[in-house]
Amino acid sequence: MKEKIHPEYYPNAQVICGCGNTFTTGSTKKVLKVELCSKCHPFFTGERRMIDTAGRVERFEQRAKKTEAKRAEAAKTAKPKAVKPLATKPAAATPEKTEGEK
């Protein structure tokens, strides 16, 4: 390993959960703050509840509304694009039919 390029490793880093549970682990940070741990996560506790961390659904819906509003505004202010006529090829000469081919 190269020296002086790796972050310092703390073998006794403290993890603090939002529920109040604390434990130690190894990390490159002295203190880690988490929202869920094995003491409060529904998978480990057997509870059935919806986890919406920091309103992610609401934030997504707000971004979607902003995007739709911007698109509508752009559609109102955009001037129509000029349509170029398609290049037409000259008509191919058709051979004339003789009286016998009718």
Protein backbone atom coordinates (compact mmCIF):
# COMPACT_ATOMS: atom_id res chain seq x y z
CA MET A 1 0.00 0.00 0.00
CA LYS A 2 1.11 3.53 -0.68
CA GLU A 3 1.76 5.58 2.40
CA LYS A 4 0.03 8.86 3.30
CA ILE A 5 -2.85 8.48 0.81
CA HIS A 6 -5.33 6.43 2.88
CA PRO A 7 -7.70 7.96 5.44
CA GLU A 8 -7.17 7.20 9.08
CA TYR A 9 -9.00 4.07 10.25
CA TYR A 10 -10.79 4.10 13.61
CA PRO A 11 -11.33 0.53 14.89
CA ASN A 12 -13.70 1.74 17.65
CA ALA A 13 -15.92 4.16 15.75
CA GLN A 14 -19.22 4.88 17.47
CA VAL A 15 -22.49 4.43 15.54
CA ILE A 16 -25.48 6.39 16.86
CA CYS A 17 -28.96 5.48 15.58
CA GLY A 18 -32.01 7.74 15.49
CA CYS A 19 -33.76 5.39 17.92
CA GLY A 20 -31.05 5.94 20.54
CA ASN A 21 -29.17 2.67 20.06
CA THR A 22 -25.36 2.92 19.96
CA PHE A 23 -22.67 0.41 19.06
CA THR A 24 -19.06 0.37 17.86
CA THR A 25 -17.58 -0.66 14.54
CA GLY A 26 -14.56 0.08 12.38
CA SER A 27 -14.73 3.12 10.11
CA THR A 28 -12.82 6.05 8.67
CA LYS A 29 -14.98 8.41 10.76
CA LYS A 30 -15.00 8.56 14.57
CA VAL A 31 -18.77 9.00 14.86
CA LEU A 32 -21.45 7.77 12.43
CA LYS A 33 -25.07 8.89 12.70
CA VAL A 34 -27.64 6.61 11.05
CA GLU A 35 -31.43 6.71 10.79
CA LEU A 36 -32.10 2.98 11.13
CA CYS A 37 -30.31 0.09 12.82
CA SER A 38 -31.05 -3.57 13.54
CA LYS A 39 -32.92 -2.59 16.74
CA CYS A 40 -35.47 -0.40 14.95
CA HIS A 41 -35.58 -1.57 11.30
CA PRO A 42 -38.90 -3.27 10.43
CA PHE A 43 -37.16 -6.25 8.82
CA PHE A 44 -35.43 -7.16 12.08
CA THR A 45 -38.24 -6.17 14.48
CA GLY A 46 -41.01 -7.92 12.53
CA GLU A 47 -43.15 -4.76 12.39
CA ARG A 48 -45.05 -3.84 9.27
CA ARG A 49 -44.57 -0.17 8.59
CA MET A 50 -43.64 2.09 5.74
CA ILE A 51 -40.23 3.74 5.93
CA ASP A 52 -40.20 7.09 4.15
CA THR A 53 -36.85 8.56 5.06
CA ALA A 54 -36.94 12.33 5.10
CA GLY A 55 -40.00 12.56 2.83
CA ARG A 56 -38.38 11.10 -0.28
CA VAL A 57 -41.73 10.52 -1.95
CA GLU A 58 -42.83 14.10 -1.32
CA ARG A 59 -39.51 15.46 -2.62
CA PHE A 60 -39.87 13.38 -5.79
CA GLU A 61 -43.42 14.63 -6.33
CA GLN A 62 -42.27 18.25 -5.86
CA ARG A 63 -39.48 17.80 -8.42
CA ALA A 64 -41.94 16.23 -10.86
CA LYS A 65 -44.33 19.20 -10.47
CA LYS A 66 -41.48 21.68 -11.03
CA THR A 67 -40.37 19.83 -14.15
CA GLU A 68 -43.90 19.74 -15.54
CA ALA A 69 -44.35 23.47 -14.84
CA LYS A 70 -41.06 24.26 -16.62
CA ARG A 71 -42.10 22.18 -19.64
CA ALA A 72 -45.48 23.94 -19.81
CA GLU A 73 -43.82 27.36 -19.56
CA ALA A 74 -41.28 26.44 -22.24
CA ALA A 75 -44.08 25.26 -24.52
CA LYS A 76 -45.90 28.58 -24.09
CA THR A 77 -42.88 30.76 -24.81
CA ALA A 78 -41.29 28.65 -27.54
CA LYS A 79 -41.89 29.89 -31.04
CA PRO A 80 -42.78 27.26 -33.60
CA LYS A 81 -39.93 25.87 -35.60
CA ALA A 82 -39.87 26.53 -39.33
CA VAL A 83 -40.63 23.39 -41.25
CA LYS A 84 -38.34 22.78 -44.19
CA PRO A 85 -39.94 21.20 -47.23
CA LEU A 86 -38.75 17.74 -48.02
CA ALA A 87 -36.42 17.42 -50.94
CA THR A 88 -38.25 15.71 -53.76
CA LYS A 89 -36.59 13.45 -56.23
CA PRO A 90 -37.31 13.99 -59.90
CA ALA A 91 -39.91 11.57 -61.20
CA ALA A 92 -38.37 8.57 -62.88
CA ALA A 93 -39.02 8.34 -66.56
CA THR A 94 -41.56 5.65 -67.20
CA PRO A 95 -41.21 3.65 -70.35
CA GLU A 96 -44.06 4.15 -72.75
CA LYS A 97 -46.17 1.14 -73.41
CA THR A 98 -46.65 -0.02 -76.89
CA GLU A 99 -50.03 -1.01 -78.27
CA GLY A 100 -49.20 -4.68 -77.92
CA GLU A 101 -48.54 -4.50 -74.14
CA LYS A 102 -51.94 -3.18 -73.13
